[in-house]
């Protein structure tokens, strides 16, 4: 019976570059990689059910967007000795309302936010004071991904009341906009990737979504050590081994976490997409995942 070290479930064509790097990292350590994609999913599930295949570690980059992969995640929950970002932990961390409260209790700063109950639970809201949100604010469903249902420039309560009916079973966040300081012409807005204790801070242009890695010299010159400290605290809170987060530095030096926990992480390569992650970071992440499995 083939016994694989790591099973990777993936269904996004743009993951191919990351998958290639992960395969190379596994090969260097003598590890076997079992790739399950939409093309071989049915065969893989049948082989697992029949005891013809086994794997001991699992990385799921598919079931969140394709429910056909759920039986594979269920098999891994019972049989795999290591699950990188276990599904039940990831789903808990995806809930922005939950993370908002967890962050506050852990001393992690966030934008001023109002939490709204799901429309199905509370169709009529009590009077709300929106003034602390400023002139415009963002409306975010708690658990959707890919920006679904997000309204970035809301100005009225009526917009919030309407938006929450789009996903009536979702909690909603009304979140104040954050204006980061400008450091030598660049907004102090960062996307930080975290993998198994390693932290990769990058400048992140909100308009172009282009990453530029933060250098050690910039960390010292601009006082950016918090870009490593805060994500490590987030990792302790969310319990995920691989995720990304967005952080802004304010004029007074404070770090505000704006986009809490992103999983699965967009790992498109810079060499293949202008707004991809620098190749060296993705290669390092692939190596750390292989080391984790070894």
C-alpha atoms as a PDB file:
ATOM      1  CA  UNK A   1       0.000   0.000   0.000  1.00  0.00           C
ATOM      2  CA  UNK A   2       1.493   3.382  -0.991  1.00  0.00           C
ATOM      3  CA  UNK A   3       2.098   5.479   2.110  1.00  0.00           C
ATOM      4  CA  UNK A   4       2.743   9.146   1.447  1.00  0.00           C
ATOM      5  CA  UNK A   5       4.351  11.616   3.817  1.00  0.00           C
ATOM      6  CA  UNK A   6       2.221  14.592   2.754  1.00  0.00           C
ATOM      7  CA  UNK A   7      -1.079  14.928   0.924  1.00  0.00           C
ATOM      8  CA  UNK A   8      -1.717  18.293  -0.710  1.00  0.00           C
ATOM      9  CA  UNK A   9      -5.268  19.057  -1.825  1.00  0.00           C
ATOM     10  CA  UNK A  10      -5.319  21.895  -4.340  1.00  0.00           C
ATOM     11  CA  UNK A  11      -7.702  23.138  -7.024  1.00  0.00           C
ATOM     12  CA  UNK A  12      -6.496  26.626  -8.016  1.00  0.00           C
ATOM     13  CA  UNK A  13      -4.434  26.699 -11.193  1.00  0.00           C
ATOM     14  CA  UNK A  14      -2.320  29.565  -9.867  1.00  0.00           C
ATOM     15  CA  UNK A  15      -1.064  27.346  -7.039  1.00  0.00           C
ATOM     16  CA  UNK A  16       1.064  25.432  -9.540  1.00  0.00           C
ATOM     17  CA  UNK A  17       4.222  27.440  -8.840  1.00  0.00           C
ATOM     18  CA  UNK A  18       3.931  26.899  -5.083  1.00  0.00           C
ATOM     19  CA  UNK A  19       3.165  23.211  -5.605  1.00  0.00           C
ATOM     20  CA  UNK A  20       6.313  22.834  -7.691  1.00  0.00           C
ATOM     21  CA  UNK A  21       8.423  24.420  -4.953  1.00  0.00           C
ATOM     22  CA  UNK A  22       6.787  22.239  -2.295  1.00  0.00           C
ATOM     23  CA  UNK A  23       7.486  19.136  -4.350  1.00  0.00           C
ATOM     24  CA  UNK A  24      11.143  20.141  -4.695  1.00  0.00           C
ATOM     25  CA  UNK A  25      11.383  20.782  -0.945  1.00  0.00           C
ATOM     26  CA  UNK A  26       9.873  17.366  -0.204  1.00  0.00           C
ATOM     27  CA  UNK A  27      12.224  15.657  -2.657  1.00  0.00           C
ATOM     28  CA  UNK A  28      15.242  17.239  -0.967  1.00  0.00           C
ATOM     29  CA  UNK A  29      14.161  15.658   2.311  1.00  0.00           C
ATOM     30  CA  UNK A  30      13.226  12.316   0.802  1.00  0.00           C
ATOM     31  CA  UNK A  31       9.525  12.920   1.441  1.00  0.00           C
ATOM     32  CA  UNK A  32       6.717  11.695  -0.796  1.00  0.00           C
ATOM     33  CA  UNK A  33       3.995  14.109  -1.914  1.00  0.00           C
ATOM     34  CA  UNK A  34       0.497  12.952  -2.863  1.00  0.00           C
ATOM     35  CA  UNK A  35      -1.256  15.638  -4.904  1.00  0.00           C
ATOM     36  CA  UNK A  36      -5.050  15.494  -4.991  1.00  0.00           C
ATOM     37  CA  UNK A  37      -6.701  17.773  -7.551  1.00  0.00           C
ATOM     38  CA  UNK A  38     -10.155  17.812  -9.162  1.00  0.00           C
ATOM     39  CA  UNK A  39      -8.729  15.523 -11.846  1.00  0.00           C
ATOM     40  CA  UNK A  40      -7.905  12.615  -9.520  1.00  0.00           C
ATOM     41  CA  UNK A  41     -10.132  13.368  -6.516  1.00  0.00           C
ATOM     42  CA  UNK A  42     -12.613  10.527  -7.082  1.00  0.00           C
ATOM     43  CA  UNK A  43      -9.835   7.986  -7.586  1.00  0.00           C
ATOM     44  CA  UNK A  44      -8.002   9.234  -4.487  1.00  0.00           C
ATOM     45  CA  UNK A  45     -11.113   8.997  -2.318  1.00  0.00           C
ATOM     46  CA  UNK A  46     -11.840   5.477  -3.543  1.00  0.00           C
ATOM     47  CA  UNK A  47      -8.258   4.417  -2.841  1.00  0.00           C
ATOM     48  CA  UNK A  48      -8.426   5.836   0.672  1.00  0.00           C
ATOM     49  CA  UNK A  49     -11.742   4.142   1.403  1.00  0.00           C
ATOM     50  CA  UNK A  50     -10.368   0.818   0.152  1.00  0.00           C
ATOM     51  CA  UNK A  51      -7.177   1.119   2.185  1.00  0.00           C
ATOM     52  CA  UNK A  52      -5.029   1.250  -0.954  1.00  0.00           C
ATOM     53  CA  UNK A  53      -3.396   4.584  -0.069  1.00  0.00           C
ATOM     54  CA  UNK A  54      -2.431   6.294   3.161  1.00  0.00           C
ATOM     55  CA  UNK A  55      -0.845   9.617   4.094  1.00  0.00           C
ATOM     56  CA  UNK A  56       0.341  10.940   7.440  1.00  0.00           C
ATOM     57  CA  UNK A  57       0.237  14.745   6.901  1.00  0.00           C
ATOM     58  CA  UNK A  58      -2.348  16.879   5.143  1.00  0.00           C
ATOM     59  CA  UNK A  59      -2.409  20.414   3.717  1.00  0.00           C
ATOM     60  CA  UNK A  60      -5.833  21.486   2.464  1.00  0.00           C
ATOM     61  CA  UNK A  61      -6.003  24.255  -0.148  1.00  0.00           C
ATOM     62  CA  UNK A  62      -9.224  23.101  -1.796  1.00  0.00           C
ATOM     63  CA  UNK A  63     -12.151  22.241   0.476  1.00  0.00           C
ATOM     64  CA  UNK A  64     -12.875  25.875   1.355  1.00  0.00           C
ATOM     65  CA  UNK A  65     -13.896  26.538  -2.260  1.00  0.00           C
ATOM     66  CA  UNK A  66     -14.953  23.077  -3.456  1.00  0.00           C
ATOM     67  CA  UNK A  67     -17.150  20.909  -1.190  1.00  0.00           C
ATOM     68  CA  UNK A  68     -16.228  17.823  -3.212  1.00  0.00           C
ATOM     69  CA  UNK A  69     -12.962  17.797  -1.257  1.00  0.00           C
ATOM     70  CA  UNK A  70     -14.746  17.579   2.112  1.00  0.00           C
ATOM     71  CA  UNK A  71     -14.546  13.739   2.296  1.00  0.00           C
ATOM     72  CA  UNK A  72     -10.775  14.056   1.899  1.00  0.00           C
ATOM     73  CA  UNK A  73     -10.621  16.527   4.777  1.00  0.00           C
ATOM     74  CA  UNK A  74     -12.824  14.201   6.831  1.00  0.00           C
ATOM     75  CA  UNK A  75     -10.492  11.263   6.146  1.00  0.00           C
ATOM     76  CA  UNK A  76      -7.504  13.354   7.198  1.00  0.00           C
ATOM     77  CA  UNK A  77      -9.218  14.383  10.436  1.00  0.00           C
ATOM     78  CA  UNK A  78      -9.451  10.722  11.457  1.00  0.00           C
ATOM     79  CA  UNK A  79      -6.309   9.208   9.961  1.00  0.00           C
ATOM     80  CA  UNK A  80      -3.604  11.852   9.433  1.00  0.00           C
ATOM     81  CA  UNK A  81      -1.166  12.395  12.280  1.00  0.00           C
ATOM     82  CA  UNK A  82      -0.500  16.004  11.202  1.00  0.00           C
ATOM     83  CA  UNK A  83      -2.931  18.459   9.653  1.00  0.00           C
ATOM     84  CA  UNK A  84      -1.436  21.820   8.710  1.00  0.00           C
ATOM     85  CA  UNK A  85      -4.189  24.325   9.550  1.00  0.00           C
ATOM     86  CA  UNK A  86      -6.820  21.778  10.672  1.00  0.00           C
ATOM     87  CA  UNK A  87     -10.144  22.568   9.034  1.00  0.00           C
ATOM     88  CA  UNK A  88     -12.069  23.164  12.255  1.00  0.00           C
ATOM     89  CA  UNK A  89      -9.336  25.517  13.531  1.00  0.00           C
ATOM     90  CA  UNK A  90      -9.211  27.355  10.218  1.00  0.00           C
ATOM     91  CA  UNK A  91     -12.981  27.853  10.139  1.00  0.00           C
ATOM     92  CA  UNK A  92     -12.836  29.332  13.632  1.00  0.00           C
ATOM     93  CA  UNK A  93     -10.055  31.698  12.552  1.00  0.00           C
ATOM     94  CA  UNK A  94     -11.929  32.732   9.401  1.00  0.00           C
ATOM     95  CA  UNK A  95     -14.646  34.353  11.534  1.00  0.00           C
ATOM     96  CA  UNK A  96     -13.632  38.022  11.662  1.00  0.00           C
ATOM     97  CA  UNK A  97     -16.069  38.764  14.471  1.00  0.00           C
ATOM     98  CA  UNK A  98     -14.558  36.031  16.623  1.00  0.00           C
ATOM     99  CA  UNK A  99     -10.999  37.106  15.797  1.00  0.00           C
ATOM    100  CA  UNK A 100     -11.870  40.733  16.559  1.00  0.00           C
ATOM    101  CA  UNK A 101     -12.921  39.814  20.084  1.00  0.00           C
ATOM    102  CA  UNK A 102      -9.984  37.432  20.544  1.00  0.00           C
ATOM    103  CA  UNK A 103      -7.552  40.115  19.397  1.00  0.00           C
ATOM    104  CA  UNK A 104      -8.990  42.685  21.766  1.00  0.00           C
ATOM    105  CA  UNK A 105      -8.717  40.292  24.694  1.00  0.00           C
ATOM    106  CA  UNK A 106      -5.097  39.576  23.722  1.00  0.00           C
ATOM    107  CA  UNK A 107      -4.099  43.224  23.431  1.00  0.00           C
ATOM    108  CA  UNK A 108      -3.825  43.200  19.625  1.00  0.00           C
ATOM    109  CA  UNK A 109      -5.019  46.530  18.255  1.00  0.00           C
ATOM    110  CA  UNK A 110      -7.719  46.657  15.575  1.00  0.00           C
ATOM    111  CA  UNK A 111      -9.693  49.455  13.902  1.00  0.00           C
ATOM    112  CA  UNK A 112     -12.758  50.744  15.741  1.00  0.00           C
ATOM    113  CA  UNK A 113     -15.455  48.175  14.928  1.00  0.00           C
ATOM    114  CA  UNK A 114     -19.126  47.564  15.554  1.00  0.00           C
ATOM    115  CA  UNK A 115     -20.284  43.934  15.485  1.00  0.00           C
ATOM    116  CA  UNK A 116     -23.762  43.150  14.147  1.00  0.00           C
ATOM    117  CA  UNK A 117     -25.706  39.959  14.749  1.00  0.00           C
ATOM    118  CA  UNK A 118     -26.842  37.940  11.714  1.00  0.00           C
ATOM    119  CA  UNK A 119     -29.962  39.263  10.036  1.00  0.00           C
ATOM    120  CA  UNK A 120     -31.721  35.944  10.649  1.00  0.00           C
ATOM    121  CA  UNK A 121     -31.145  36.322  14.384  1.00  0.00           C
ATOM    122  CA  UNK A 122     -31.827  40.051  14.679  1.00  0.00           C
ATOM    123  CA  UNK A 123     -33.621  41.534  11.653  1.00  0.00           C
ATOM    124  CA  UNK A 124     -34.198  44.854  13.435  1.00  0.00           C
ATOM    125  CA  UNK A 125     -31.138  46.478  14.976  1.00  0.00           C
ATOM    126  CA  UNK A 126     -31.219  48.785  17.998  1.00  0.00           C
ATOM    127  CA  UNK A 127     -30.144  52.410  17.438  1.00  0.00           C
ATOM    128  CA  UNK A 128     -26.443  52.565  16.572  1.00  0.00           C
ATOM    129  CA  UNK A 129     -24.013  55.438  16.998  1.00  0.00           C
ATOM    130  CA  UNK A 130     -21.921  55.420  13.817  1.00  0.00           C
ATOM    131  CA  UNK A 131     -20.010  58.610  14.590  1.00  0.00           C
ATOM    132  CA  UNK A 132     -16.880  56.826  15.928  1.00  0.00           C
ATOM    133  CA  UNK A 133     -16.571  55.130  12.527  1.00  0.00           C
ATOM    134  CA  UNK A 134     -15.873  58.444  10.815  1.00  0.00           C
ATOM    135  CA  UNK A 135     -17.308  59.775   7.580  1.00  0.00           C
ATOM    136  CA  UNK A 136     -17.052  56.436   5.763  1.00  0.00           C
ATOM    137  CA  UNK A 137     -16.464  52.888   6.894  1.00  0.00           C
ATOM    138  CA  UNK A 138     -16.196  49.321   5.648  1.00  0.00           C
ATOM    139  CA  UNK A 139     -18.927  46.695   5.924  1.00  0.00           C
ATOM    140  CA  UNK A 140     -17.594  43.139   6.130  1.00  0.00           C
ATOM    141  CA  UNK A 141     -19.344  39.775   6.512  1.00  0.00           C
ATOM    142  CA  UNK A 142     -17.616  37.836   9.254  1.00  0.00           C
ATOM    143  CA  UNK A 143     -16.734  34.655   7.389  1.00  0.00           C
ATOM    144  CA  UNK A 144     -16.865  35.139   3.622  1.00  0.00           C
ATOM    145  CA  UNK A 145     -13.650  35.124   1.621  1.00  0.00           C
ATOM    146  CA  UNK A 146     -12.352  36.855  -1.483  1.00  0.00           C
ATOM    147  CA  UNK A 147     -14.041  40.136  -0.657  1.00  0.00           C
ATOM    148  CA  UNK A 148     -17.561  38.724  -1.110  1.00  0.00           C
ATOM    149  CA  UNK A 149     -20.155  41.037   0.396  1.00  0.00           C
ATOM    150  CA  UNK A 150     -17.618  43.682   1.419  1.00  0.00           C
ATOM    151  CA  UNK A 151     -18.585  47.345   1.041  1.00  0.00           C
ATOM    152  CA  UNK A 152     -15.497  49.524   1.344  1.00  0.00           C
ATOM    153  CA  UNK A 153     -16.941  53.049   1.311  1.00  0.00           C
ATOM    154  CA  UNK A 154     -20.190  52.924   3.253  1.00  0.00           C
ATOM    155  CA  UNK A 155     -21.549  56.113   4.773  1.00  0.00           C
ATOM    156  CA  UNK A 156     -25.015  55.297   6.152  1.00  0.00           C
ATOM    157  CA  UNK A 157     -26.733  52.842   8.443  1.00  0.00           C
ATOM    158  CA  UNK A 158     -29.128  52.004   5.616  1.00  0.00           C
ATOM    159  CA  UNK A 159     -26.209  50.581   3.621  1.00  0.00           C
ATOM    160  CA  UNK A 160     -25.315  48.352   6.548  1.00  0.00           C
ATOM    161  CA  UNK A 161     -28.902  47.198   6.949  1.00  0.00           C
ATOM    162  CA  UNK A 162     -29.077  46.322   3.284  1.00  0.00           C
ATOM    163  CA  UNK A 163     -25.654  44.665   3.123  1.00  0.00           C
ATOM    164  CA  UNK A 164     -26.319  42.254   5.976  1.00  0.00           C
ATOM    165  CA  UNK A 165     -29.241  40.771   4.055  1.00  0.00           C
ATOM    166  CA  UNK A 166     -26.878  39.567   1.322  1.00  0.00           C
ATOM    167  CA  UNK A 167     -25.557  36.890   3.696  1.00  0.00           C
ATOM    168  CA  UNK A 168     -28.360  36.793   6.301  1.00  0.00           C
ATOM    169  CA  UNK A 169     -26.759  34.054   8.402  1.00  0.00           C
ATOM    170  CA  UNK A 170     -23.477  35.959   8.738  1.00  0.00           C
ATOM    171  CA  UNK A 171     -22.360  38.269  11.505  1.00  0.00           C
ATOM    172  CA  UNK A 172     -21.190  41.616  10.128  1.00  0.00           C
ATOM    173  CA  UNK A 173     -18.474  44.097  11.046  1.00  0.00           C
ATOM    174  CA  UNK A 174     -18.709  47.845  10.546  1.00  0.00           C
ATOM    175  CA  UNK A 175     -15.084  48.923  10.598  1.00  0.00           C
ATOM    176  CA  UNK A 176     -13.494  52.354  10.643  1.00  0.00           C
ATOM    177  CA  UNK A 177     -10.985  53.116   7.934  1.00  0.00           C
ATOM    178  CA  UNK A 178      -7.361  53.303   8.963  1.00  0.00           C
ATOM    179  CA  UNK A 179      -4.993  55.975   7.624  1.00  0.00           C
ATOM    180  CA  UNK A 180      -1.406  54.786   8.019  1.00  0.00           C
ATOM    181  CA  UNK A 181       1.520  57.102   8.216  1.00  0.00           C
ATOM    182  CA  UNK A 182       3.630  57.687   5.109  1.00  0.00           C
ATOM    183  CA  UNK A 183       7.258  56.627   5.282  1.00  0.00           C
ATOM    184  CA  UNK A 184       9.458  58.230   2.626  1.00  0.00           C
ATOM    185  CA  UNK A 185       6.632  58.287   0.138  1.00  0.00           C
ATOM    186  CA  UNK A 186       5.164  54.861   0.940  1.00  0.00           C
ATOM    187  CA  UNK A 187       2.056  54.192   2.987  1.00  0.00           C
ATOM    188  CA  UNK A 188       2.951  52.108   6.040  1.00  0.00           C
ATOM    189  CA  UNK A 189       0.591  49.308   5.043  1.00  0.00           C
ATOM    190  CA  UNK A 190       1.941  45.779   5.188  1.00  0.00           C
ATOM    191  CA  UNK A 191       0.919  42.264   4.327  1.00  0.00           C
ATOM    192  CA  UNK A 192       2.729  39.758   6.525  1.00  0.00           C
ATOM    193  CA  UNK A 193       2.962  36.039   5.827  1.00  0.00           C
ATOM    194  CA  UNK A 194       3.521  33.646   8.709  1.00  0.00           C
ATOM    195  CA  UNK A 195       4.634  30.024   8.455  1.00  0.00           C
ATOM    196  CA  UNK A 196       5.508  27.815  11.397  1.00  0.00           C
ATOM    197  CA  UNK A 197       7.163  30.544  13.450  1.00  0.00           C
ATOM    198  CA  UNK A 198       8.749  32.393  10.527  1.00  0.00           C
ATOM    199  CA  UNK A 199       7.435  35.870   9.728  1.00  0.00           C
ATOM    200  CA  UNK A 200       7.735  37.539   6.324  1.00  0.00           C
ATOM    201  CA  UNK A 201       6.757  41.246   6.446  1.00  0.00           C
ATOM    202  CA  UNK A 202       6.154  42.990   3.109  1.00  0.00           C
ATOM    203  CA  UNK A 203       5.157  46.463   2.106  1.00  0.00           C
ATOM    204  CA  UNK A 204       1.822  46.039   0.344  1.00  0.00           C
ATOM    205  CA  UNK A 205       0.459  48.647  -2.045  1.00  0.00           C
ATOM    206  CA  UNK A 206      -3.313  48.808  -1.580  1.00  0.00           C
ATOM    207  CA  UNK A 207      -3.834  49.999  -5.156  1.00  0.00           C
ATOM    208  CA  UNK A 208      -1.560  47.646  -7.073  1.00  0.00           C
ATOM    209  CA  UNK A 209      -1.334  44.828  -4.480  1.00  0.00           C
ATOM    210  CA  UNK A 210       2.390  44.624  -5.189  1.00  0.00           C
ATOM    211  CA  UNK A 211       4.583  43.141  -2.452  1.00  0.00           C
ATOM    212  CA  UNK A 212       8.003  44.533  -1.519  1.00  0.00           C
ATOM    213  CA  UNK A 213       9.866  42.727   1.213  1.00  0.00           C
ATOM    214  CA  UNK A 214      10.693  44.802   4.303  1.00  0.00           C
ATOM    215  CA  UNK A 215      14.454  44.913   4.777  1.00  0.00           C
ATOM    216  CA  UNK A 216      16.345  44.691   8.054  1.00  0.00           C
ATOM    217  CA  UNK A 217      17.581  48.238   7.495  1.00  0.00           C
ATOM    218  CA  UNK A 218      14.010  49.508   7.052  1.00  0.00           C
ATOM    219  CA  UNK A 219      12.908  47.636  10.153  1.00  0.00           C
ATOM    220  CA  UNK A 220      15.521  49.449  12.206  1.00  0.00           C
ATOM    221  CA  UNK A 221      15.099  52.854  10.540  1.00  0.00           C
ATOM    222  CA  UNK A 222      11.304  52.993  10.727  1.00  0.00           C
ATOM    223  CA  UNK A 223      10.764  51.089  13.960  1.00  0.00           C
ATOM    224  CA  UNK A 224       8.994  48.142  12.339  1.00  0.00           C
ATOM    225  CA  UNK A 225       9.847  45.372  14.806  1.00  0.00           C
ATOM    226  CA  UNK A 226       6.136  45.153  15.557  1.00  0.00           C
ATOM    227  CA  UNK A 227       5.660  43.621  12.107  1.00  0.00           C
ATOM    228  CA  UNK A 228       7.242  40.489  13.545  1.00  0.00           C
ATOM    229  CA  UNK A 229       5.967  40.683  17.096  1.00  0.00           C
ATOM    230  CA  UNK A 230       2.277  41.250  16.304  1.00  0.00           C
ATOM    231  CA  UNK A 231       1.936  38.385  13.759  1.00  0.00           C
ATOM    232  CA  UNK A 232       3.523  35.977  16.240  1.00  0.00           C
ATOM    233  CA  UNK A 233       0.878  36.992  18.771  1.00  0.00           C
ATOM    234  CA  UNK A 234      -1.780  36.473  16.096  1.00  0.00           C
ATOM    235  CA  UNK A 235      -0.402  32.968  15.480  1.00  0.00           C
ATOM    236  CA  UNK A 236      -0.820  32.189  19.176  1.00  0.00           C
ATOM    237  CA  UNK A 237      -4.423  33.395  19.057  1.00  0.00           C
ATOM    238  CA  UNK A 238      -5.574  31.766  15.803  1.00  0.00           C
ATOM    239  CA  UNK A 239      -3.610  28.519  16.159  1.00  0.00           C
ATOM    240  CA  UNK A 240      -2.742  28.304  12.439  1.00  0.00           C
ATOM    241  CA  UNK A 241       0.680  27.375  11.133  1.00  0.00           C
ATOM    242  CA  UNK A 242       0.328  29.178   7.791  1.00  0.00           C
ATOM    243  CA  UNK A 243      -1.616  32.416   7.246  1.00  0.00           C
ATOM    244  CA  UNK A 244      -1.276  36.057   6.265  1.00  0.00           C
ATOM    245  CA  UNK A 245      -2.453  39.268   7.885  1.00  0.00           C
ATOM    246  CA  UNK A 246      -2.531  42.975   7.032  1.00  0.00           C
ATOM    247  CA  UNK A 247      -1.114  45.568   9.395  1.00  0.00           C
ATOM    248  CA  UNK A 248      -0.917  49.365   9.244  1.00  0.00           C
ATOM    249  CA  UNK A 249       1.481  51.537  11.221  1.00  0.00           C
ATOM    250  CA  UNK A 250      -0.020  54.755  12.521  1.00  0.00           C
ATOM    251  CA  UNK A 251       1.678  58.122  12.912  1.00  0.00           C
ATOM    252  CA  UNK A 252       2.216  57.459  16.621  1.00  0.00           C
ATOM    253  CA  UNK A 253       3.993  54.176  15.840  1.00  0.00           C
ATOM    254  CA  UNK A 254       1.123  51.862  16.823  1.00  0.00           C
ATOM    255  CA  UNK A 255       0.430  48.784  14.704  1.00  0.00           C
ATOM    256  CA  UNK A 256      -3.230  48.214  13.800  1.00  0.00           C
ATOM    257  CA  UNK A 257      -4.270  44.830  12.399  1.00  0.00           C
ATOM    258  CA  UNK A 258      -6.677  45.602   9.579  1.00  0.00           C
ATOM    259  CA  UNK A 259      -7.294  42.248   7.881  1.00  0.00           C
ATOM    260  CA  UNK A 260      -7.097  39.679  10.608  1.00  0.00           C
ATOM    261  CA  UNK A 261      -6.332  36.119   9.410  1.00  0.00           C
ATOM    262  CA  UNK A 262      -6.196  35.094   5.751  1.00  0.00           C
ATOM    263  CA  UNK A 263      -6.246  31.379   4.956  1.00  0.00           C
ATOM    264  CA  UNK A 264      -5.581  29.811   2.505  1.00  0.00           C
ATOM    265  CA  UNK A 265      -2.733  32.193   1.739  1.00  0.00           C
ATOM    266  CA  UNK A 266      -2.369  33.520  -1.796  1.00  0.00           C
ATOM    267  CA  UNK A 267       1.005  32.033  -2.775  1.00  0.00           C
ATOM    268  CA  UNK A 268       1.209  33.011  -6.425  1.00  0.00           C
ATOM    269  CA  UNK A 269       4.819  33.630  -7.404  1.00  0.00           C
ATOM    270  CA  UNK A 270       6.074  37.131  -8.237  1.00  0.00           C
ATOM    271  CA  UNK A 271       7.828  35.603 -11.261  1.00  0.00           C
ATOM    272  CA  UNK A 272       4.429  34.545 -12.600  1.00  0.00           C
ATOM    273  CA  UNK A 273       2.171  37.427 -11.480  1.00  0.00           C
ATOM    274  CA  UNK A 274       2.944  41.094 -10.865  1.00  0.00           C
ATOM    275  CA  UNK A 275       1.031  40.998  -7.585  1.00  0.00           C
ATOM    276  CA  UNK A 276       2.436  37.651  -6.503  1.00  0.00           C
ATOM    277  CA  UNK A 277       4.505  36.926  -3.407  1.00  0.00           C
ATOM    278  CA  UNK A 278       8.288  37.244  -3.839  1.00  0.00           C
ATOM    279  CA  UNK A 279       9.551  33.851  -5.012  1.00  0.00           C
ATOM    280  CA  UNK A 280      12.124  33.591  -2.238  1.00  0.00           C
ATOM    281  CA  UNK A 281       9.401  33.849   0.409  1.00  0.00           C
ATOM    282  CA  UNK A 282       7.274  31.129  -1.194  1.00  0.00           C
ATOM    283  CA  UNK A 283      10.335  28.906  -1.565  1.00  0.00           C
ATOM    284  CA  UNK A 284      11.177  29.412   2.103  1.00  0.00           C
ATOM    285  CA  UNK A 285       7.590  28.603   3.110  1.00  0.00           C
ATOM    286  CA  UNK A 286       7.671  25.419   1.036  1.00  0.00           C
ATOM    287  CA  UNK A 287      10.891  24.404   2.778  1.00  0.00           C
ATOM    288  CA  UNK A 288       9.423  25.035   6.217  1.00  0.00           C
ATOM    289  CA  UNK A 289       6.341  22.981   5.432  1.00  0.00           C
ATOM    290  CA  UNK A 290       8.512  20.095   4.286  1.00  0.00           C
ATOM    291  CA  UNK A 291      10.611  20.385   7.440  1.00  0.00           C
ATOM    292  CA  UNK A 292       7.433  20.318   9.513  1.00  0.00           C
ATOM    293  CA  UNK A 293       6.367  17.065   7.879  1.00  0.00           C
ATOM    294  CA  UNK A 294       9.803  15.442   8.095  1.00  0.00           C
END
